[in-house]
């Protein structure tokens, strides 16, 4: 299992199934967009076939595909990004 590394302070959430951080985005690679509350976004990714990472912003959970590195996160104030463990 990869450990989170980069400038972000990665936390473990969704019952230990995802890493997440505040004020970040994983740009592109969108699989689908789902209206959701922030606490549900990581679980939606875990449950979605093909989802490897996600970004939540202003009531929308952007489920993403094709993998990502922690270092690919970019600054986006108010958003939350994460990836499956």
N, C-alpha and C. Protein backbone atom coordinates (compact mmCIF):
# COMPACT_ATOMS: atom_id res chain seq x y z
N UNK A 1 0.84 -1.17 0.00
CA UNK A 1 0.00 0.00 0.00
C UNK A 1 0.89 1.24 0.00
N UNK A 2 0.60 2.16 -0.88
CA UNK A 2 1.38 3.39 -0.96
C UNK A 2 1.05 4.31 0.20
N UNK A 3 2.04 5.00 0.70
CA UNK A 3 1.82 5.99 1.74
C UNK A 3 1.69 7.36 1.10
N UNK A 4 0.85 8.22 1.68
CA UNK A 4 0.68 9.55 1.11
C UNK A 4 1.92 10.40 1.29
N UNK A 5 2.36 11.01 0.21
CA UNK A 5 3.48 11.93 0.27
C UNK A 5 3.16 13.12 -0.61
N UNK A 6 3.51 14.28 -0.19
CA UNK A 6 3.39 15.53 -0.92
C UNK A 6 3.18 16.63 0.09
N UNK A 7 2.88 17.82 -0.39
CA UNK A 7 2.70 18.97 0.48
C UNK A 7 1.38 18.92 1.25
N UNK A 8 0.43 18.11 0.81
CA UNK A 8 -0.89 18.04 1.45
C UNK A 8 -0.82 17.22 2.72
N UNK A 9 -1.71 17.52 3.65
CA UNK A 9 -1.82 16.73 4.87
C UNK A 9 -2.93 15.71 4.65
N UNK A 10 -2.55 14.52 4.22
CA UNK A 10 -3.50 13.47 3.90
C UNK A 10 -4.02 12.83 5.16
N UNK A 11 -5.34 12.63 5.21
CA UNK A 11 -6.00 11.98 6.33
C UNK A 11 -6.66 10.71 5.81
N UNK A 12 -7.00 9.83 6.72
CA UNK A 12 -7.71 8.61 6.35
C UNK A 12 -9.18 8.78 6.69
N UNK A 13 -10.06 8.44 5.74
CA UNK A 13 -11.50 8.58 5.95
C UNK A 13 -12.27 7.41 5.39
N UNK A 14 -13.59 7.55 5.43
CA UNK A 14 -14.52 6.55 4.90
C UNK A 14 -14.18 5.16 5.45
N UNK A 15 -14.13 5.08 6.78
CA UNK A 15 -13.87 3.79 7.41
C UNK A 15 -12.52 3.19 7.08
N UNK A 16 -11.54 4.06 6.79
CA UNK A 16 -10.19 3.59 6.47
C UNK A 16 -9.98 3.21 5.02
N UNK A 17 -10.94 3.55 4.15
CA UNK A 17 -10.86 3.12 2.76
C UNK A 17 -10.27 4.15 1.81
N UNK A 18 -10.18 5.42 2.24
CA UNK A 18 -9.64 6.47 1.36
C UNK A 18 -8.69 7.38 2.12
N UNK A 19 -7.80 8.01 1.37
CA UNK A 19 -7.03 9.16 1.84
C UNK A 19 -7.72 10.39 1.29
N UNK A 20 -7.70 11.51 2.05
CA UNK A 20 -8.26 12.75 1.54
C UNK A 20 -7.51 13.94 2.12
N UNK A 21 -7.62 15.08 1.44
CA UNK A 21 -7.00 16.32 1.90
C UNK A 21 -7.90 17.49 1.49
N UNK A 22 -7.76 18.59 2.20
CA UNK A 22 -8.54 19.80 1.92
C UNK A 22 -7.78 20.74 0.99
N UNK A 23 -8.55 21.55 0.28
CA UNK A 23 -8.02 22.59 -0.62
C UNK A 23 -7.17 22.00 -1.75
N UNK A 24 -7.63 20.90 -2.31
CA UNK A 24 -6.89 20.30 -3.43
C UNK A 24 -7.85 19.73 -4.47
N UNK A 25 -7.30 19.45 -5.63
CA UNK A 25 -8.04 18.90 -6.75
C UNK A 25 -7.15 17.92 -7.49
N UNK A 26 -7.76 16.87 -8.00
CA UNK A 26 -7.12 16.02 -8.99
C UNK A 26 -7.80 16.35 -10.31
N UNK A 27 -7.12 17.09 -11.15
CA UNK A 27 -7.71 17.61 -12.39
C UNK A 27 -7.87 16.52 -13.44
N UNK A 28 -9.01 16.55 -14.12
CA UNK A 28 -9.25 15.65 -15.25
C UNK A 28 -9.58 14.22 -14.84
N UNK A 29 -9.57 13.33 -15.82
CA UNK A 29 -9.84 11.91 -15.65
C UNK A 29 -11.21 11.63 -15.04
N UNK A 30 -12.21 12.49 -15.33
CA UNK A 30 -13.54 12.33 -14.76
C UNK A 30 -14.22 11.07 -15.27
N UNK A 31 -14.79 10.33 -14.36
CA UNK A 31 -15.59 9.15 -14.66
C UNK A 31 -17.07 9.55 -14.69
N UNK A 32 -17.51 10.24 -13.63
CA UNK A 32 -18.88 10.71 -13.53
C UNK A 32 -18.96 11.78 -12.44
N UNK A 33 -19.98 12.64 -12.52
CA UNK A 33 -20.24 13.65 -11.49
C UNK A 33 -21.52 13.27 -10.77
N UNK A 34 -21.50 13.39 -9.43
CA UNK A 34 -22.66 13.02 -8.62
C UNK A 34 -22.90 14.12 -7.59
N UNK A 35 -24.13 14.59 -7.47
CA UNK A 35 -24.47 15.53 -6.40
C UNK A 35 -24.38 14.78 -5.08
N UNK A 36 -23.63 15.33 -4.12
CA UNK A 36 -23.49 14.65 -2.83
C UNK A 36 -23.01 15.62 -1.76
N UNK A 37 -23.17 15.20 -0.53
CA UNK A 37 -22.55 15.88 0.59
C UNK A 37 -21.11 15.40 0.68
N UNK A 38 -20.26 16.23 1.23
CA UNK A 38 -18.84 15.88 1.32
C UNK A 38 -18.58 14.53 1.98
N UNK A 39 -19.21 14.20 3.12
CA UNK A 39 -18.88 12.92 3.77
C UNK A 39 -19.18 11.69 2.92
N UNK A 40 -20.02 11.82 1.91
CA UNK A 40 -20.39 10.68 1.07
C UNK A 40 -19.45 10.45 -0.11
N UNK A 41 -18.65 11.42 -0.48
CA UNK A 41 -17.90 11.37 -1.73
C UNK A 41 -16.90 10.21 -1.77
N UNK A 42 -16.14 10.01 -0.73
CA UNK A 42 -15.17 8.91 -0.71
C UNK A 42 -15.84 7.56 -0.85
N UNK A 43 -16.96 7.38 -0.16
CA UNK A 43 -17.70 6.14 -0.24
C UNK A 43 -18.28 5.90 -1.62
N UNK A 44 -18.71 6.98 -2.28
CA UNK A 44 -19.20 6.84 -3.65
C UNK A 44 -18.09 6.32 -4.57
N UNK A 45 -16.88 6.81 -4.35
CA UNK A 45 -15.74 6.33 -5.16
C UNK A 45 -15.46 4.86 -4.86
N UNK A 46 -15.45 4.50 -3.60
CA UNK A 46 -15.19 3.11 -3.22
C UNK A 46 -16.22 2.17 -3.86
N UNK A 47 -17.47 2.62 -3.92
CA UNK A 47 -18.55 1.78 -4.45
C UNK A 47 -18.65 1.78 -5.97
N UNK A 48 -18.03 2.76 -6.62
CA UNK A 48 -18.17 2.89 -8.08
C UNK A 48 -17.11 2.07 -8.81
N UNK A 49 -17.55 1.26 -9.74
CA UNK A 49 -16.65 0.45 -10.54
C UNK A 49 -15.72 1.36 -11.35
N UNK A 50 -14.42 1.20 -11.21
CA UNK A 50 -13.45 1.96 -11.97
C UNK A 50 -12.98 3.23 -11.32
N UNK A 51 -13.59 3.63 -10.21
CA UNK A 51 -13.16 4.88 -9.55
C UNK A 51 -11.89 4.63 -8.75
N UNK A 52 -10.89 5.47 -9.00
CA UNK A 52 -9.62 5.36 -8.28
C UNK A 52 -9.34 6.56 -7.38
N UNK A 53 -9.98 7.70 -7.69
CA UNK A 53 -9.78 8.91 -6.91
C UNK A 53 -10.97 9.85 -7.14
N UNK A 54 -11.00 10.97 -6.41
CA UNK A 54 -12.16 11.84 -6.47
C UNK A 54 -11.80 13.26 -6.06
N UNK A 55 -12.66 14.19 -6.45
CA UNK A 55 -12.62 15.56 -5.94
C UNK A 55 -14.04 15.96 -5.61
N UNK A 56 -14.25 16.56 -4.44
CA UNK A 56 -15.55 17.09 -4.06
C UNK A 56 -15.44 18.61 -4.03
N UNK A 57 -16.43 19.29 -4.62
CA UNK A 57 -16.45 20.74 -4.61
C UNK A 57 -17.88 21.24 -4.72
N UNK A 58 -18.29 22.05 -3.77
CA UNK A 58 -19.59 22.75 -3.80
C UNK A 58 -20.76 21.83 -4.11
N UNK A 59 -20.84 20.69 -3.42
CA UNK A 59 -21.98 19.80 -3.57
C UNK A 59 -21.89 18.79 -4.69
N UNK A 60 -20.78 18.75 -5.38
CA UNK A 60 -20.60 17.77 -6.46
C UNK A 60 -19.38 16.92 -6.19
N UNK A 61 -19.57 15.60 -6.30
CA UNK A 61 -18.48 14.65 -6.16
C UNK A 61 -18.07 14.21 -7.56
N UNK A 62 -16.85 14.51 -7.92
CA UNK A 62 -16.30 14.14 -9.23
C UNK A 62 -15.53 12.84 -9.06
N UNK A 63 -16.13 11.75 -9.49
CA UNK A 63 -15.46 10.46 -9.42
C UNK A 63 -14.51 10.35 -10.61
N UNK A 64 -13.31 9.84 -10.36
CA UNK A 64 -12.26 9.86 -11.38
C UNK A 64 -11.67 8.48 -11.59
N UNK A 65 -11.01 8.31 -12.72
CA UNK A 65 -10.50 6.98 -13.12
C UNK A 65 -9.03 7.05 -13.51
N UNK A 66 -8.46 5.88 -13.74
CA UNK A 66 -7.12 5.71 -14.31
C UNK A 66 -5.98 6.02 -13.36
N UNK A 67 -6.22 6.03 -12.09
CA UNK A 67 -5.14 6.19 -11.12
C UNK A 67 -4.57 7.59 -11.03
N UNK A 68 -3.87 7.82 -9.96
CA UNK A 68 -3.31 9.15 -9.68
C UNK A 68 -2.23 8.98 -8.61
N UNK A 69 -1.28 9.90 -8.60
CA UNK A 69 -0.28 9.95 -7.53
C UNK A 69 -0.65 11.08 -6.57
N UNK A 70 -0.28 10.94 -5.31
CA UNK A 70 -0.53 12.02 -4.35
C UNK A 70 0.06 13.33 -4.84
N UNK A 71 1.21 13.26 -5.47
CA UNK A 71 1.90 14.47 -5.94
C UNK A 71 1.18 15.15 -7.10
N UNK A 72 0.16 14.50 -7.68
CA UNK A 72 -0.61 15.11 -8.77
C UNK A 72 -1.67 16.09 -8.27
N UNK A 73 -1.90 16.15 -6.97
CA UNK A 73 -2.88 17.07 -6.41
C UNK A 73 -2.45 18.52 -6.66
N UNK A 74 -3.42 19.36 -7.02
CA UNK A 74 -3.17 20.78 -7.21
C UNK A 74 -4.03 21.58 -6.24
N UNK A 75 -3.61 22.79 -5.94
CA UNK A 75 -4.34 23.64 -5.01
C UNK A 75 -5.66 24.07 -5.61
N UNK A 76 -6.74 23.91 -4.84
CA UNK A 76 -8.07 24.41 -5.23
C UNK A 76 -8.82 24.72 -3.94
N UNK A 77 -8.88 26.00 -3.58
CA UNK A 77 -9.48 26.42 -2.31
C UNK A 77 -10.92 25.94 -2.19
N UNK A 78 -11.21 25.30 -1.08
CA UNK A 78 -12.56 24.85 -0.78
C UNK A 78 -12.90 23.45 -1.25
N UNK A 79 -12.09 22.91 -2.15
CA UNK A 79 -12.34 21.54 -2.64
C UNK A 79 -11.67 20.53 -1.73
N UNK A 80 -12.08 19.30 -1.86
CA UNK A 80 -11.45 18.18 -1.14
C UNK A 80 -11.14 17.10 -2.16
N UNK A 81 -9.93 16.60 -2.14
CA UNK A 81 -9.58 15.54 -3.07
C UNK A 81 -9.14 14.31 -2.29
N UNK A 82 -9.25 13.17 -2.93
CA UNK A 82 -8.86 11.95 -2.25
C UNK A 82 -8.66 10.82 -3.21
N UNK A 83 -8.16 9.71 -2.68
CA UNK A 83 -7.96 8.52 -3.49
C UNK A 83 -8.18 7.30 -2.63
N UNK A 84 -8.51 6.21 -3.29
CA UNK A 84 -8.71 4.95 -2.58
C UNK A 84 -7.39 4.45 -2.02
N UNK A 85 -7.48 3.78 -0.88
CA UNK A 85 -6.29 3.19 -0.26
C UNK A 85 -6.00 1.91 -0.90
